[in-house]
Protein backbone atom coordinates (compact mmCIF):
# COMPACT_ATOMS: atom_id res chain seq x y z
CA MET A 1 -29.10 10.48 -4.11
CA ASN A 2 -31.12 7.34 -4.52
CA SER A 3 -32.48 4.86 -1.93
CA LEU A 4 -30.60 1.67 -2.11
CA GLY A 5 -32.81 -1.48 -2.32
CA LYS A 6 -34.98 -1.95 0.83
CA THR A 7 -32.39 -0.09 2.73
CA GLU A 8 -33.80 3.44 2.44
CA LEU A 9 -30.23 4.62 2.73
CA LEU A 10 -29.23 7.29 0.44
CA VAL A 11 -26.37 6.55 -2.04
CA SER A 12 -24.98 8.40 -5.07
CA PRO A 13 -26.44 7.27 -8.55
CA LEU A 14 -22.85 6.29 -9.40
CA GLY A 15 -20.74 3.82 -7.20
CA PHE A 16 -17.04 3.43 -6.97
CA GLY A 17 -15.86 0.06 -7.96
CA GLY A 18 -12.77 -0.82 -5.88
CA ILE A 19 -11.19 -2.97 -8.60
CA VAL A 20 -9.99 0.47 -10.19
CA VAL A 21 -7.25 0.95 -7.35
CA MET A 22 -6.12 -2.85 -7.64
CA ASN A 23 -2.13 -2.58 -8.26
CA SER A 24 -2.50 1.41 -8.05
CA ARG A 25 0.87 3.29 -7.09
CA ALA A 26 1.45 4.56 -3.50
CA GLY A 27 -0.97 7.39 -2.75
CA GLN A 28 -2.98 7.13 -5.98
CA ALA A 29 -5.72 5.29 -4.41
CA ALA A 30 -6.16 8.32 -1.78
CA ARG A 31 -6.16 10.75 -4.68
CA ILE A 32 -8.74 8.75 -6.61
CA VAL A 33 -11.01 8.42 -3.56
CA GLU A 34 -10.81 11.93 -2.40
CA GLU A 35 -11.77 13.09 -6.01
CA ALA A 36 -14.70 10.72 -5.91
CA VAL A 37 -16.01 11.93 -2.70
CA GLU A 38 -15.46 15.67 -3.94
CA PHE A 39 -17.83 14.63 -6.92
CA GLY A 40 -20.42 13.39 -4.49
CA ILE A 41 -19.84 9.56 -4.62
CA ASN A 42 -20.59 7.99 -1.31
CA TYR A 43 -21.25 4.39 -2.48
CA PHE A 44 -17.86 2.25 -2.42
CA ASP A 45 -17.90 -1.36 -3.34
CA VAL A 46 -14.95 -3.71 -3.03
CA ALA A 47 -14.08 -7.38 -2.68
CA PRO A 48 -11.13 -9.67 -1.91
CA ALA A 49 -11.43 -10.87 -5.45
CA TYR A 50 -10.18 -7.55 -6.47
CA GLY A 51 -6.47 -8.18 -5.66
CA ASN A 52 -5.05 -5.77 -3.32
CA ALA A 53 -7.74 -3.35 -3.67
CA GLU A 54 -8.80 -3.66 -0.15
CA GLU A 55 -5.36 -2.74 1.21
CA LYS A 56 -5.23 0.18 -1.14
CA LEU A 57 -8.78 1.38 -0.17
CA GLY A 58 -8.53 0.97 3.73
CA PRO A 59 -6.27 4.01 4.17
CA ALA A 60 -7.76 6.02 1.49
CA LEU A 61 -11.30 5.63 2.74
CA GLU A 62 -10.36 5.99 6.55
CA PRO A 63 -10.79 9.69 6.66
CA PHE A 64 -14.34 9.41 5.08
CA ARG A 65 -15.66 6.42 6.82
CA LYS A 66 -18.52 7.91 8.62
CA ASP A 67 -19.66 9.73 5.41
CA ILE A 68 -19.66 6.94 2.86
CA PHE A 69 -21.60 3.71 2.39
CA LEU A 70 -19.06 0.87 2.21
CA SER A 71 -19.92 -2.52 0.58
CA CYS A 72 -17.89 -5.67 0.50
CA LYS A 73 -18.47 -9.31 -0.76
CA THR A 74 -17.15 -12.88 -0.13
CA HIS A 75 -16.94 -15.42 -2.96
CA LEU A 76 -16.44 -18.24 -0.44
CA ARG A 77 -19.42 -20.55 0.10
CA ASP A 78 -18.54 -22.11 3.34
CA ALA A 79 -18.81 -20.72 6.74
CA ALA A 80 -15.12 -21.09 7.76
CA GLY A 81 -13.97 -19.48 4.60
CA ALA A 82 -16.41 -16.73 4.94
CA ARG A 83 -15.64 -15.83 8.50
CA ASP A 84 -12.07 -15.51 7.78
CA ALA A 85 -12.64 -13.55 4.56
CA LEU A 86 -14.88 -11.17 6.60
CA GLY A 87 -12.33 -10.67 9.32
CA LYS A 88 -9.58 -9.92 6.73
CA SER A 89 -11.74 -7.63 4.83
CA LEU A 90 -12.63 -5.59 7.97
CA LYS A 91 -8.95 -5.39 9.04
CA HIS A 92 -7.72 -4.35 5.37
CA LEU A 93 -10.47 -1.81 5.09
CA ARG A 94 -9.90 -0.44 8.46
CA THR A 95 -13.53 -0.46 9.69
CA ASP A 96 -15.50 -2.22 12.31
CA TYR A 97 -18.49 -2.64 9.93
CA PHE A 98 -19.86 -2.95 6.46
CA ASP A 99 -22.83 -1.01 5.45
CA LEU A 100 -23.59 -3.86 3.01
CA TYR A 101 -22.08 -7.36 2.83
CA GLN A 102 -22.79 -9.59 -0.16
CA LEU A 103 -22.52 -13.09 -1.30
CA HIS A 104 -20.34 -12.53 -4.47
CA GLY A 105 -20.93 -13.90 -7.97
CA LEU A 106 -23.54 -16.56 -7.69
CA VAL A 107 -23.54 -18.49 -10.70
CA ASP A 108 -24.72 -22.10 -10.02
CA VAL A 109 -27.68 -23.04 -7.93
CA GLU A 110 -26.07 -26.22 -6.64
CA LYS A 111 -22.60 -25.09 -5.99
CA ASP A 112 -23.27 -21.46 -5.01
CA VAL A 113 -26.69 -21.06 -3.61
CA LYS A 114 -27.42 -24.22 -1.92
CA VAL A 115 -23.89 -24.55 -0.44
CA ALA A 116 -24.06 -21.03 0.89
CA PHE A 117 -27.47 -21.75 2.47
CA SER A 118 -26.71 -25.10 3.73
CA ALA A 119 -25.60 -26.00 7.37
CA GLY A 120 -22.01 -24.86 7.57
CA GLY A 121 -22.48 -22.45 4.71
CA ALA A 122 -21.54 -18.76 4.33
CA MET A 123 -24.99 -17.42 5.15
CA GLU A 124 -24.55 -18.92 8.74
CA VAL A 125 -21.49 -16.32 9.20
CA VAL A 126 -23.29 -13.38 7.38
CA LEU A 127 -26.38 -13.75 9.64
CA GLU A 128 -24.12 -13.88 12.81
CA ALA A 129 -22.06 -11.04 11.64
CA LYS A 130 -25.49 -8.99 11.21
CA ARG A 131 -26.54 -9.94 14.50
CA ALA A 132 -23.11 -8.68 15.96
CA GLY A 133 -23.17 -5.45 14.24
CA LEU A 134 -20.45 -6.19 11.72
CA ILE A 135 -22.65 -6.02 8.73
CA ARG A 136 -25.80 -3.75 8.46
CA ASN A 137 -27.39 -4.95 5.42
CA ILE A 138 -27.16 -8.22 3.41
CA GLY A 139 -27.02 -8.71 -0.22
CA PHE A 140 -25.75 -10.86 -3.24
CA SER A 141 -24.44 -10.53 -6.62
CA ALA A 142 -25.31 -13.22 -9.34
CA HIS A 143 -24.65 -13.88 -12.87
CA THR A 144 -27.32 -16.17 -13.79
CA SER A 145 -31.14 -15.71 -13.45
CA GLU A 146 -31.42 -19.20 -11.89
CA ALA A 147 -28.96 -18.45 -9.26
CA ALA A 148 -30.57 -14.93 -8.58
CA LEU A 149 -33.95 -16.45 -8.15
CA ALA A 150 -32.72 -19.39 -5.95
CA ALA A 151 -31.06 -16.89 -3.70
CA MET A 152 -34.15 -14.79 -3.40
CA ASN A 153 -36.20 -17.67 -2.47
CA GLU A 154 -33.85 -18.47 0.40
CA TYR A 155 -33.60 -14.97 1.89
CA ASP A 156 -35.35 -11.73 1.93
CA PHE A 157 -31.95 -9.67 0.93
CA ASP A 158 -31.76 -6.05 1.12
CA THR A 159 -29.93 -5.75 -2.13
CA VAL A 160 -29.43 -7.58 -5.25
CA MET A 161 -26.55 -6.73 -7.81
CA TYR A 162 -27.37 -8.41 -11.18
CA PRO A 163 -25.83 -7.44 -14.47
CA VAL A 164 -28.47 -6.18 -17.06
């Protein structure tokens, strides 16, 4: 197990990308998740952008929820959209909290980072949700170094997901 970012939480060296169950057949997601847990994977990552993966993973993860680390994301940058997305994700995944919630796919400093951190931006909702106990840790994923650096200058995130 490895410590995840600044969280000091222990997660498996390999994570489960929820996109793999998108459009899977009935029961297939449950079998895949069960096998992953048997192999020691406890980090599960999903996002609304992954088609129906949340709906497939919700029932599959439910029996293991207290033993896994569940991460979700939003690609929406405005507060209203982010609030709606968070509520739907919690419902689809049959959980009352996320261990990690991330701003998904930051690319452009102006369109992504500045909008998310502006008044009425997604970060307002993320911070409210953390105070309410719906989110335990906050992170982001980025696809440009400019966006990653700009986001890190705005908030002291618990995790950063960046392709190398």
